[in-house]
């Protein structure tokens, strides 16, 4: 069993999600944002670490690498670290499993071949787009609405970037379906009771 922090982005909920409340059992496909770069980073105190063997899941011709932790948590990794956008995953903490070099820093995504036990740190996020992968079922223990400011990247630009220093959390009992200006999603604590059989 384990307690995991999971970020559910506003656009993921508004597009394809179902609102949930504290105490609800939910089943979500999770992606590990290995660098914690969602909303411009700054999640360092909220990152989790997963130690598990890497599995390869094939779905509709796509290969996805997943970590299946002993407590039942399942999180997808990027299928091929070389396919990531430049800068994505910077700061990931990946360590090889037991034996020689077990605590050697191997860099973002390195050494994540199938069957190899690794420890990876990052921000768990709900991902409802792209390839399909195994889901994690758990009970929502807390929900915090994530408030975040955004700024124009240039005067008059319609493109905006997140301002991590402006992020704040507000405890709520239920996730909204629609978020509106200044709300970027919800951060939950998900209790995973153990592997499903």
N, C-alpha and C. Protein backbone atom coordinates (compact mmCIF):
# COMPACT_ATOMS: atom_id res chain seq x y z
N UNK A 1 0.83 -1.18 0.00
CA UNK A 1 0.00 0.00 0.00
C UNK A 1 0.87 1.24 0.00
N UNK A 2 0.35 2.32 -0.55
CA UNK A 2 1.12 3.54 -0.62
C UNK A 2 0.23 4.75 -0.79
N UNK A 3 0.75 5.91 -0.45
CA UNK A 3 0.06 7.17 -0.62
C UNK A 3 0.88 7.99 -1.62
N UNK A 4 0.26 8.38 -2.73
CA UNK A 4 0.95 9.04 -3.82
C UNK A 4 0.30 10.37 -4.15
N UNK A 5 1.11 11.36 -4.46
CA UNK A 5 0.60 12.64 -4.94
C UNK A 5 0.45 12.56 -6.45
N UNK A 6 -0.70 12.99 -6.95
CA UNK A 6 -0.99 12.92 -8.39
C UNK A 6 -1.57 14.27 -8.82
N UNK A 7 -0.98 14.84 -9.88
CA UNK A 7 -1.48 16.08 -10.46
C UNK A 7 -2.41 15.75 -11.62
N UNK A 8 -3.62 16.35 -11.59
CA UNK A 8 -4.61 16.16 -12.66
C UNK A 8 -4.80 17.53 -13.29
N UNK A 9 -4.23 17.74 -14.48
CA UNK A 9 -4.26 19.04 -15.16
C UNK A 9 -5.67 19.44 -15.55
N UNK A 10 -5.94 20.74 -15.52
CA UNK A 10 -7.26 21.26 -15.86
C UNK A 10 -7.73 20.78 -17.22
N UNK A 11 -6.87 20.86 -18.24
CA UNK A 11 -7.29 20.49 -19.58
C UNK A 11 -7.56 18.99 -19.72
N UNK A 12 -6.88 18.18 -18.94
CA UNK A 12 -7.15 16.73 -18.97
C UNK A 12 -8.55 16.46 -18.40
N UNK A 13 -8.89 17.12 -17.29
CA UNK A 13 -10.21 16.95 -16.68
C UNK A 13 -11.30 17.50 -17.59
N UNK A 14 -11.10 18.73 -18.11
CA UNK A 14 -12.12 19.37 -18.93
C UNK A 14 -12.40 18.58 -20.20
N UNK A 15 -11.38 17.97 -20.77
CA UNK A 15 -11.55 17.19 -21.99
C UNK A 15 -12.19 15.84 -21.73
N UNK A 16 -11.58 15.06 -20.85
CA UNK A 16 -11.91 13.64 -20.80
C UNK A 16 -12.11 13.09 -19.39
N UNK A 17 -12.12 13.95 -18.39
CA UNK A 17 -12.18 13.47 -17.02
C UNK A 17 -13.56 13.48 -16.42
N UNK A 18 -13.68 12.82 -15.29
CA UNK A 18 -14.90 12.80 -14.49
C UNK A 18 -14.55 13.35 -13.12
N UNK A 19 -15.25 14.39 -12.67
CA UNK A 19 -14.95 14.95 -11.35
C UNK A 19 -15.06 13.88 -10.26
N UNK A 20 -14.32 14.06 -9.20
CA UNK A 20 -14.27 13.09 -8.11
C UNK A 20 -14.21 13.84 -6.78
N UNK A 21 -14.50 13.12 -5.72
CA UNK A 21 -14.51 13.71 -4.38
C UNK A 21 -13.55 12.96 -3.48
N UNK A 22 -13.22 13.59 -2.34
CA UNK A 22 -12.43 12.90 -1.31
C UNK A 22 -13.22 11.65 -0.90
N UNK A 23 -12.53 10.52 -0.83
CA UNK A 23 -13.16 9.26 -0.48
C UNK A 23 -13.57 8.40 -1.66
N UNK A 24 -13.59 8.98 -2.87
CA UNK A 24 -13.95 8.21 -4.07
C UNK A 24 -12.85 7.25 -4.47
N UNK A 25 -13.24 6.09 -4.99
CA UNK A 25 -12.28 5.19 -5.63
C UNK A 25 -12.21 5.60 -7.09
N UNK A 26 -10.99 5.79 -7.59
CA UNK A 26 -10.77 6.21 -8.97
C UNK A 26 -9.80 5.26 -9.64
N UNK A 27 -9.85 5.22 -10.96
CA UNK A 27 -8.91 4.45 -11.75
C UNK A 27 -8.39 5.36 -12.84
N UNK A 28 -7.07 5.61 -12.81
CA UNK A 28 -6.46 6.57 -13.72
C UNK A 28 -5.23 5.98 -14.41
N UNK A 29 -5.01 6.36 -15.68
CA UNK A 29 -3.73 6.10 -16.34
C UNK A 29 -2.74 7.18 -15.89
N UNK A 30 -1.62 6.78 -15.34
CA UNK A 30 -0.66 7.74 -14.79
C UNK A 30 0.61 7.78 -15.62
N UNK A 31 1.16 8.98 -15.76
CA UNK A 31 2.42 9.22 -16.43
C UNK A 31 3.36 9.86 -15.42
N UNK A 32 4.59 9.41 -15.37
CA UNK A 32 5.56 10.02 -14.48
C UNK A 32 6.31 11.12 -15.22
N UNK A 33 6.08 12.36 -14.80
CA UNK A 33 6.80 13.51 -15.33
C UNK A 33 8.13 13.52 -14.59
N UNK A 34 9.13 12.87 -15.18
CA UNK A 34 10.39 12.58 -14.49
C UNK A 34 11.14 13.82 -14.04
N UNK A 35 10.96 14.92 -14.69
CA UNK A 35 11.67 16.12 -14.28
C UNK A 35 10.80 17.04 -13.45
N UNK A 36 9.51 16.69 -13.26
CA UNK A 36 8.61 17.55 -12.53
C UNK A 36 8.43 18.89 -13.21
N UNK A 37 8.42 18.90 -14.55
CA UNK A 37 8.39 20.15 -15.30
C UNK A 37 6.98 20.65 -15.59
N UNK A 38 5.94 19.93 -15.17
CA UNK A 38 4.57 20.39 -15.39
C UNK A 38 4.40 21.79 -14.82
N UNK A 39 3.69 22.64 -15.55
CA UNK A 39 3.43 24.03 -15.14
C UNK A 39 4.71 24.79 -14.82
N UNK A 40 5.78 24.49 -15.53
CA UNK A 40 7.02 25.23 -15.38
C UNK A 40 7.92 24.76 -14.25
N UNK A 41 7.64 23.59 -13.69
CA UNK A 41 8.49 23.05 -12.62
C UNK A 41 8.15 23.62 -11.26
N UNK A 42 9.11 23.53 -10.36
CA UNK A 42 8.90 24.06 -9.02
C UNK A 42 8.12 23.14 -8.10
N UNK A 43 8.07 21.86 -8.41
CA UNK A 43 7.31 20.89 -7.61
C UNK A 43 8.19 20.13 -6.63
N UNK A 44 9.43 20.54 -6.42
CA UNK A 44 10.41 19.72 -5.72
C UNK A 44 9.90 19.09 -4.42
N UNK A 45 9.12 19.78 -3.63
CA UNK A 45 8.62 19.21 -2.39
C UNK A 45 7.48 18.23 -2.58
N UNK A 46 6.99 18.09 -3.81
CA UNK A 46 5.84 17.23 -4.07
C UNK A 46 6.16 16.05 -4.97
N UNK A 47 7.44 15.89 -5.31
CA UNK A 47 7.82 14.78 -6.18
C UNK A 47 7.84 13.48 -5.38
N UNK A 48 7.55 12.40 -6.04
CA UNK A 48 7.63 11.08 -5.42
C UNK A 48 8.69 10.25 -6.09
N UNK A 49 9.09 9.16 -5.44
CA UNK A 49 10.06 8.22 -6.00
C UNK A 49 9.43 6.85 -6.10
N UNK A 50 9.61 6.23 -7.24
CA UNK A 50 9.08 4.88 -7.49
C UNK A 50 10.25 3.96 -7.73
N UNK A 51 10.29 2.83 -7.01
CA UNK A 51 11.29 1.80 -7.26
C UNK A 51 10.55 0.57 -7.76
N UNK A 52 10.86 0.15 -8.97
CA UNK A 52 10.15 -0.96 -9.59
C UNK A 52 10.91 -1.41 -10.83
N UNK A 53 10.63 -2.64 -11.27
CA UNK A 53 11.19 -3.07 -12.55
C UNK A 53 10.47 -2.37 -13.70
N UNK A 54 11.18 -2.14 -14.77
CA UNK A 54 10.60 -1.54 -15.97
C UNK A 54 9.96 -2.65 -16.80
N UNK A 55 8.72 -2.44 -17.21
CA UNK A 55 8.01 -3.37 -18.10
C UNK A 55 7.74 -2.67 -19.41
N UNK A 56 7.64 -3.43 -20.46
CA UNK A 56 7.23 -2.88 -21.74
C UNK A 56 5.81 -3.36 -22.03
N UNK A 57 4.91 -2.42 -22.29
CA UNK A 57 3.52 -2.72 -22.62
C UNK A 57 3.32 -2.34 -24.07
N UNK A 58 2.74 -3.24 -24.84
CA UNK A 58 2.46 -2.96 -26.25
C UNK A 58 0.97 -2.81 -26.43
N UNK A 59 0.56 -1.70 -27.02
CA UNK A 59 -0.85 -1.40 -27.23
C UNK A 59 -1.00 -0.70 -28.57
N UNK A 60 -1.80 -1.26 -29.46
CA UNK A 60 -2.05 -0.65 -30.77
C UNK A 60 -0.76 -0.29 -31.51
N UNK A 61 0.23 -1.16 -31.44
CA UNK A 61 1.48 -0.96 -32.15
C UNK A 61 2.47 -0.05 -31.46
N UNK A 62 2.07 0.56 -30.35
CA UNK A 62 2.97 1.44 -29.61
C UNK A 62 3.59 0.68 -28.44
N UNK A 63 4.81 1.03 -28.10
CA UNK A 63 5.50 0.46 -26.95
C UNK A 63 5.60 1.52 -25.88
N UNK A 64 5.11 1.19 -24.69
CA UNK A 64 5.18 2.11 -23.56
C UNK A 64 5.92 1.40 -22.44
N UNK A 65 6.85 2.10 -21.81
CA UNK A 65 7.54 1.55 -20.65
C UNK A 65 6.80 1.99 -19.40
N UNK A 66 6.54 1.04 -18.51
CA UNK A 66 5.83 1.34 -17.27
C UNK A 66 6.60 0.80 -16.07
N UNK A 67 6.36 1.43 -14.94
CA UNK A 67 6.84 0.95 -13.66
C UNK A 67 5.63 0.42 -12.91
N UNK A 68 5.73 -0.80 -12.39
CA UNK A 68 4.65 -1.42 -11.63
C UNK A 68 5.20 -1.65 -10.23
N UNK A 69 4.90 -0.71 -9.31
CA UNK A 69 5.43 -0.78 -7.95
C UNK A 69 4.76 -1.90 -7.16
N UNK A 70 5.43 -2.34 -6.11
CA UNK A 70 4.92 -3.43 -5.28
C UNK A 70 3.58 -3.10 -4.65
N UNK A 71 3.30 -1.82 -4.43
CA UNK A 71 2.05 -1.43 -3.77
C UNK A 71 0.87 -1.30 -4.73
N UNK A 72 1.07 -1.59 -6.03
CA UNK A 72 -0.03 -1.54 -6.98
C UNK A 72 -0.02 -0.32 -7.87
N UNK A 73 0.83 0.66 -7.58
CA UNK A 73 0.92 1.83 -8.44
C UNK A 73 1.53 1.42 -9.78
N UNK A 74 0.92 1.91 -10.87
CA UNK A 74 1.45 1.69 -12.21
C UNK A 74 1.60 3.06 -12.87
N UNK A 75 2.80 3.38 -13.33
CA UNK A 75 3.04 4.68 -13.97
C UNK A 75 3.82 4.47 -15.25
N UNK A 76 3.38 5.14 -16.30
CA UNK A 76 4.08 5.07 -17.59
C UNK A 76 5.29 5.99 -17.58
N UNK A 77 6.33 5.54 -18.26
CA UNK A 77 7.50 6.36 -18.55
C UNK A 77 7.43 6.70 -20.02
N UNK A 78 8.27 7.60 -20.48
CA UNK A 78 8.32 7.89 -21.91
C UNK A 78 8.91 6.67 -22.61
N UNK A 79 8.27 6.26 -23.71
CA UNK A 79 8.66 5.04 -24.40
C UNK A 79 10.10 5.08 -24.86
N UNK A 80 10.54 6.22 -25.33
CA UNK A 80 11.90 6.34 -25.81
C UNK A 80 12.43 7.70 -25.38
N UNK A 81 13.34 7.73 -24.40
CA UNK A 81 13.83 9.01 -23.90
C UNK A 81 14.37 9.93 -24.99
N UNK A 82 14.88 9.37 -26.10
CA UNK A 82 15.42 10.21 -27.17
C UNK A 82 14.32 10.94 -27.92
N UNK A 83 13.06 10.48 -27.80
CA UNK A 83 11.95 11.13 -28.49
C UNK A 83 11.36 12.30 -27.72
N UNK A 84 11.88 12.59 -26.53
CA UNK A 84 11.35 13.68 -25.73
C UNK A 84 11.71 15.02 -26.33
N UNK A 85 10.82 16.03 -26.12
CA UNK A 85 11.18 17.37 -26.55
C UNK A 85 12.43 17.83 -25.79
N UNK A 86 13.21 18.69 -26.42
CA UNK A 86 14.44 19.16 -25.78
C UNK A 86 14.14 19.77 -24.42
N UNK A 87 14.91 19.39 -23.42
CA UNK A 87 14.74 19.90 -22.08
C UNK A 87 13.75 19.12 -21.25
N UNK A 88 12.92 18.26 -21.85
CA UNK A 88 11.95 17.50 -21.08
C UNK A 88 12.66 16.42 -20.28
N UNK A 89 12.33 16.31 -19.04
CA UNK A 89 12.91 15.27 -18.21
C UNK A 89 14.20 15.70 -17.53
N UNK A 90 14.65 16.92 -17.73
CA UNK A 90 15.87 17.36 -17.08
C UNK A 90 15.70 17.29 -15.57
N UNK A 91 16.68 16.77 -14.89
CA UNK A 91 16.61 16.68 -13.44
C UNK A 91 16.00 15.39 -12.95
N UNK A 92 15.67 14.47 -13.83
CA UNK A 92 15.12 13.20 -13.39
C UNK A 92 16.13 12.45 -12.56
N UNK A 93 15.65 11.73 -11.62
CA UNK A 93 16.52 10.94 -10.76
C UNK A 93 16.30 9.48 -11.09
N UNK A 94 17.25 8.89 -11.75
CA UNK A 94 17.15 7.49 -12.14
C UNK A 94 18.36 6.77 -11.60
N UNK A 95 18.12 5.73 -10.81
CA UNK A 95 19.23 4.93 -10.28
C UNK A 95 18.98 3.48 -10.64
N UNK A 96 20.05 2.80 -10.97
CA UNK A 96 19.94 1.38 -11.29
C UNK A 96 19.58 0.60 -10.04
N UNK A 97 19.14 -0.64 -10.22
CA UNK A 97 18.72 -1.50 -9.10
C UNK A 97 19.89 -2.00 -8.28
N UNK A 98 19.79 -3.20 -7.77
CA UNK A 98 20.79 -3.75 -6.85
C UNK A 98 22.09 -4.08 -7.57
N UNK A 99 23.15 -4.17 -6.80
CA UNK A 99 24.43 -4.59 -7.36
C UNK A 99 25.36 -3.43 -7.60
N UNK A 100 26.43 -3.72 -8.30
CA UNK A 100 27.44 -2.70 -8.59
C UNK A 100 26.80 -1.53 -9.31
N UNK A 101 27.11 -0.34 -8.87
CA UNK A 101 26.58 0.85 -9.52
C UNK A 101 25.14 1.15 -9.16
N UNK A 102 24.60 0.53 -8.10
CA UNK A 102 23.19 0.70 -7.76
C UNK A 102 22.82 2.14 -7.50
N UNK A 103 23.73 2.93 -6.98
CA UNK A 103 23.42 4.31 -6.68
C UNK A 103 24.05 5.27 -7.67
N UNK A 104 24.42 4.79 -8.82
CA UNK A 104 25.05 5.63 -9.83
C UNK A 104 24.00 6.42 -10.59
N UNK A 105 24.19 7.72 -10.65
CA UNK A 105 23.31 8.55 -11.46
C UNK A 105 23.48 8.16 -12.92
N UNK A 106 22.37 7.85 -13.58
CA UNK A 106 22.46 7.42 -14.96
C UNK A 106 21.82 8.39 -15.93
N UNK A 107 21.33 9.53 -15.42
CA UNK A 107 20.77 10.54 -16.30
C UNK A 107 19.33 10.28 -16.67
N UNK A 108 18.64 11.27 -17.23
CA UNK A 108 17.24 11.13 -17.58
C UNK A 108 16.99 9.98 -18.54
N UNK A 109 16.19 9.03 -18.10
CA UNK A 109 15.75 7.96 -18.97
C UNK A 109 16.77 6.86 -19.23
N UNK A 110 18.01 7.04 -18.82
CA UNK A 110 19.02 6.04 -19.12
C UNK A 110 18.81 4.79 -18.28
N UNK A 111 19.13 3.66 -18.83
CA UNK A 111 19.06 2.41 -18.09
C UNK A 111 17.66 1.94 -17.80
N UNK A 112 16.68 2.38 -18.58
CA UNK A 112 15.31 2.00 -18.31
C UNK A 112 14.85 0.84 -19.19
N UNK A 113 15.74 -0.04 -19.53
CA UNK A 113 15.38 -1.19 -20.34
C UNK A 113 14.45 -2.11 -19.60
N UNK A 114 13.65 -2.92 -20.33
CA UNK A 114 12.70 -3.82 -19.72
C UNK A 114 13.35 -4.76 -18.70
N UNK A 115 12.66 -4.97 -17.57
CA UNK A 115 13.12 -5.89 -16.54
C UNK A 115 14.11 -5.31 -15.55
N UNK A 116 14.70 -4.20 -15.86
CA UNK A 116 15.69 -3.60 -14.97
C UNK A 116 14.99 -2.82 -13.87
N UNK A 117 15.36 -3.07 -12.62
CA UNK A 117 14.76 -2.37 -11.48
C UNK A 117 15.44 -1.02 -11.32
N UNK A 118 14.62 0.04 -11.28
CA UNK A 118 15.13 1.40 -11.18
C UNK A 118 14.37 2.17 -10.11
N UNK A 119 14.96 3.27 -9.68
CA UNK A 119 14.26 4.24 -8.84
C UNK A 119 14.17 5.51 -9.66
N UNK A 120 12.95 5.99 -9.85
CA UNK A 120 12.73 7.18 -10.65
C UNK A 120 11.90 8.17 -9.83
N UNK A 121 12.32 9.43 -9.80
CA UNK A 121 11.58 10.48 -9.09
C UNK A 121 10.92 11.40 -10.10
N UNK A 122 9.75 11.88 -9.72
CA UNK A 122 9.05 12.82 -10.58
C UNK A 122 7.68 13.11 -10.04
N UNK A 123 6.89 13.80 -10.84
CA UNK A 123 5.52 14.15 -10.50
C UNK A 123 4.59 13.22 -11.26
N UNK A 124 3.74 12.50 -10.54
CA UNK A 124 2.74 11.65 -11.19
C UNK A 124 1.63 12.53 -11.74
N UNK A 125 1.25 12.29 -13.00
CA UNK A 125 0.19 13.07 -13.63
C UNK A 125 -0.82 12.12 -14.27
N UNK A 126 -2.09 12.52 -14.30
CA UNK A 126 -3.11 11.75 -15.01
C UNK A 126 -2.95 12.08 -16.49
N UNK A 127 -2.88 11.05 -17.33
CA UNK A 127 -2.68 11.24 -18.77
C UNK A 127 -3.74 10.47 -19.53
N UNK A 128 -4.66 11.19 -20.16
CA UNK A 128 -5.76 10.56 -20.88
C UNK A 128 -5.62 10.66 -22.40
N UNK A 129 -4.44 11.04 -22.88
CA UNK A 129 -4.23 11.19 -24.32
C UNK A 129 -3.02 10.39 -24.75
N UNK A 130 -2.96 10.01 -26.01
CA UNK A 130 -1.84 9.24 -26.52
C UNK A 130 -2.11 7.75 -26.36
N UNK A 131 -1.05 7.00 -26.19
CA UNK A 131 -1.16 5.54 -26.09
C UNK A 131 -1.91 5.16 -24.81
N UNK A 132 -2.43 3.96 -24.79
CA UNK A 132 -3.11 3.43 -23.60
C UNK A 132 -2.13 2.57 -22.83
N UNK A 133 -2.22 2.61 -21.52
CA UNK A 133 -1.38 1.78 -20.68
C UNK A 133 -2.16 1.37 -19.44
N UNK A 134 -1.61 0.46 -18.66
CA UNK A 134 -2.32 0.01 -17.47
C UNK A 134 -2.66 1.19 -16.54
N UNK A 135 -3.74 1.02 -15.78
CA UNK A 135 -4.20 2.08 -14.90
C UNK A 135 -3.95 1.72 -13.44
N UNK A 136 -4.00 2.73 -12.59
CA UNK A 136 -3.86 2.57 -11.15
C UNK A 136 -5.20 2.87 -10.51
N UNK A 137 -5.62 2.01 -9.58
CA UNK A 137 -6.86 2.22 -8.83
C UNK A 137 -6.50 2.55 -7.39
N UNK A 138 -7.16 3.56 -6.86
CA UNK A 138 -6.93 3.94 -5.47
C UNK A 138 -8.06 4.81 -4.95
N UNK A 139 -7.93 5.22 -3.71
CA UNK A 139 -8.93 6.07 -3.05
C UNK A 139 -8.35 7.46 -2.85
N UNK A 140 -9.13 8.47 -3.23
CA UNK A 140 -8.69 9.85 -3.10
C UNK A 140 -8.77 10.23 -1.62
N UNK A 141 -7.62 10.63 -1.06
CA UNK A 141 -7.56 11.04 0.36
C UNK A 141 -7.67 12.55 0.52
N UNK A 142 -7.02 13.32 -0.37
CA UNK A 142 -7.12 14.78 -0.32
C UNK A 142 -7.15 15.32 -1.74
N UNK A 143 -7.71 16.54 -1.86
CA UNK A 143 -7.73 17.25 -3.14
C UNK A 143 -7.35 18.69 -2.85
N UNK A 144 -6.41 19.20 -3.62
CA UNK A 144 -6.02 20.61 -3.53
C UNK A 144 -6.14 21.23 -4.92
N UNK A 145 -6.92 22.29 -5.00
CA UNK A 145 -7.02 23.05 -6.23
C UNK A 145 -5.71 23.79 -6.42
N UNK A 146 -5.12 23.68 -7.61
CA UNK A 146 -3.84 24.32 -7.90
C UNK A 146 -4.12 25.66 -8.59
N UNK A 147 -3.75 26.74 -7.90
CA UNK A 147 -3.85 28.08 -8.47
C UNK A 147 -2.48 28.43 -9.03
N UNK A 148 -2.47 29.01 -10.25
CA UNK A 148 -1.20 29.36 -10.87
C UNK A 148 -1.41 30.54 -11.80
N UNK A 149 -0.49 31.50 -11.73
CA UNK A 149 -0.53 32.64 -12.65
C UNK A 149 0.28 32.31 -13.90
N UNK A 150 -0.07 32.98 -14.98
CA UNK A 150 0.62 32.84 -16.26
C UNK A 150 0.95 34.23 -16.77
N UNK A 151 2.04 34.35 -17.52
CA UNK A 151 2.45 35.65 -18.07
C UNK A 151 2.67 35.51 -19.57
N UNK A 152 2.43 36.61 -20.30
CA UNK A 152 2.72 36.63 -21.73
C UNK A 152 4.20 36.40 -21.94
N UNK A 153 4.56 35.64 -22.98
CA UNK A 153 5.99 35.43 -23.23
C UNK A 153 6.62 36.66 -23.89
N UNK A 154 5.78 37.50 -24.49
CA UNK A 154 6.22 38.77 -25.07
C UNK A 154 5.01 39.71 -25.05
N UNK A 155 5.23 41.02 -24.96
CA UNK A 155 4.10 41.95 -24.93
C UNK A 155 3.16 41.73 -26.12
N UNK A 156 1.88 41.61 -25.83
CA UNK A 156 0.88 41.41 -26.88
C UNK A 156 0.74 39.98 -27.35
N UNK A 157 1.56 39.06 -26.85
CA UNK A 157 1.51 37.66 -27.28
C UNK A 157 0.29 36.96 -26.69
N UNK A 158 -0.27 36.06 -27.45
CA UNK A 158 -1.35 35.22 -26.93
C UNK A 158 -0.79 33.99 -26.23
N UNK A 159 0.50 33.74 -26.39
CA UNK A 159 1.13 32.60 -25.74
C UNK A 159 1.59 33.02 -24.36
N UNK A 160 1.27 32.18 -23.37
CA UNK A 160 1.64 32.50 -22.00
C UNK A 160 2.43 31.35 -21.40
N UNK A 161 3.25 31.68 -20.41
CA UNK A 161 4.02 30.66 -19.72
C UNK A 161 3.68 30.68 -18.24
N UNK A 162 3.76 29.50 -17.59
CA UNK A 162 3.43 29.45 -16.16
C UNK A 162 4.48 30.13 -15.29
N UNK A 163 4.03 30.68 -14.19
CA UNK A 163 4.91 31.30 -13.21
C UNK A 163 4.89 30.43 -11.94
N UNK A 164 5.84 29.49 -11.84
CA UNK A 164 5.82 28.54 -10.72
C UNK A 164 5.81 29.21 -9.34
N UNK A 165 6.45 30.35 -9.20
CA UNK A 165 6.51 31.01 -7.89
C UNK A 165 5.13 31.50 -7.44
N UNK A 166 4.19 31.60 -8.37
CA UNK A 166 2.85 32.07 -8.03
C UNK A 166 1.92 30.93 -7.62
N UNK A 167 2.40 29.70 -7.67
CA UNK A 167 1.54 28.54 -7.41
C UNK A 167 1.11 28.49 -5.95
N UNK A 168 -0.18 28.20 -5.73
CA UNK A 168 -0.68 27.98 -4.38
C UNK A 168 -1.71 26.86 -4.42
N UNK A 169 -1.93 26.25 -3.28
CA UNK A 169 -2.86 25.12 -3.17
C UNK A 169 -4.01 25.49 -2.23
N UNK A 170 -5.21 25.08 -2.61
CA UNK A 170 -6.41 25.31 -1.80
C UNK A 170 -7.12 23.98 -1.58
N UNK A 171 -7.27 23.57 -0.34
CA UNK A 171 -7.94 22.31 -0.03
C UNK A 171 -9.42 22.41 -0.41
N UNK A 172 -9.90 21.39 -1.12
CA UNK A 172 -11.31 21.30 -1.52
C UNK A 172 -11.77 19.86 -1.30
N UNK A 173 -13.09 19.64 -1.31
CA UNK A 173 -13.63 18.30 -1.13
C UNK A 173 -13.94 17.60 -2.44
N UNK A 174 -14.04 18.39 -3.54
CA UNK A 174 -14.40 17.82 -4.84
C UNK A 174 -13.63 18.54 -5.94
N UNK A 175 -13.24 17.76 -6.94
CA UNK A 175 -12.59 18.34 -8.12
C UNK A 175 -13.66 18.98 -9.00
N UNK A 176 -13.37 20.18 -9.52
CA UNK A 176 -14.31 20.75 -10.49
C UNK A 176 -14.15 20.07 -11.85
N UNK A 177 -15.15 20.19 -12.70
CA UNK A 177 -15.03 19.74 -14.08
C UNK A 177 -14.41 20.86 -14.92
N UNK A 178 -14.77 22.11 -14.61
CA UNK A 178 -14.28 23.28 -15.34
C UNK A 178 -13.49 24.14 -14.37
N UNK A 179 -12.37 24.68 -14.82
CA UNK A 179 -11.45 25.34 -13.91
C UNK A 179 -11.42 26.85 -14.01
N UNK A 180 -11.36 27.42 -15.18
CA UNK A 180 -11.34 28.87 -15.32
C UNK A 180 -9.97 29.47 -15.08
N UNK A 181 -9.92 30.79 -15.23
CA UNK A 181 -8.68 31.56 -15.14
C UNK A 181 -7.98 31.37 -13.79
N UNK A 182 -6.68 31.12 -13.85
CA UNK A 182 -5.88 31.03 -12.63
C UNK A 182 -5.92 29.69 -11.92
N UNK A 183 -6.67 28.75 -12.45
CA UNK A 183 -6.73 27.41 -11.86
C UNK A 183 -6.14 26.43 -12.86
N UNK A 184 -5.14 25.68 -12.43
CA UNK A 184 -4.38 24.84 -13.36
C UNK A 184 -4.67 23.35 -13.24
N UNK A 185 -5.48 22.96 -12.26
CA UNK A 185 -5.78 21.55 -12.06
C UNK A 185 -5.92 21.27 -10.58
N UNK A 186 -5.81 19.97 -10.23
CA UNK A 186 -5.87 19.58 -8.83
C UNK A 186 -4.69 18.67 -8.50
N UNK A 187 -4.22 18.77 -7.28
CA UNK A 187 -3.19 17.89 -6.76
C UNK A 187 -3.88 17.01 -5.72
N UNK A 188 -3.83 15.71 -5.92
CA UNK A 188 -4.52 14.79 -5.01
C UNK A 188 -3.50 13.93 -4.28
N UNK A 189 -3.95 13.35 -3.18
CA UNK A 189 -3.23 12.25 -2.56
C UNK A 189 -4.08 11.02 -2.82
N UNK A 190 -3.47 10.03 -3.46
CA UNK A 190 -4.15 8.81 -3.86
C UNK A 190 -3.61 7.65 -3.03
N UNK A 191 -4.48 6.99 -2.29
CA UNK A 191 -4.09 5.82 -1.50
C UNK A 191 -4.28 4.59 -2.38
N UNK A 192 -3.19 3.89 -2.63
CA UNK A 192 -3.22 2.65 -3.43
C UNK A 192 -3.06 1.49 -2.44
N UNK A 193 -4.11 0.68 -2.26
CA UNK A 193 -4.10 -0.34 -1.21
C UNK A 193 -3.22 -1.55 -1.50
N UNK A 194 -2.89 -1.76 -2.75
CA UNK A 194 -2.06 -2.92 -3.12
C UNK A 194 -2.40 -3.35 -4.52
N UNK A 195 -1.64 -4.31 -5.05
CA UNK A 195 -1.88 -4.76 -6.42
C UNK A 195 -3.26 -5.40 -6.58
N UNK A 196 -3.88 -5.15 -7.70
CA UNK A 196 -5.14 -5.80 -8.05
C UNK A 196 -4.84 -7.13 -8.70
N UNK A 197 -5.62 -8.12 -8.35
CA UNK A 197 -5.43 -9.45 -8.96
C UNK A 197 -6.56 -9.81 -9.86
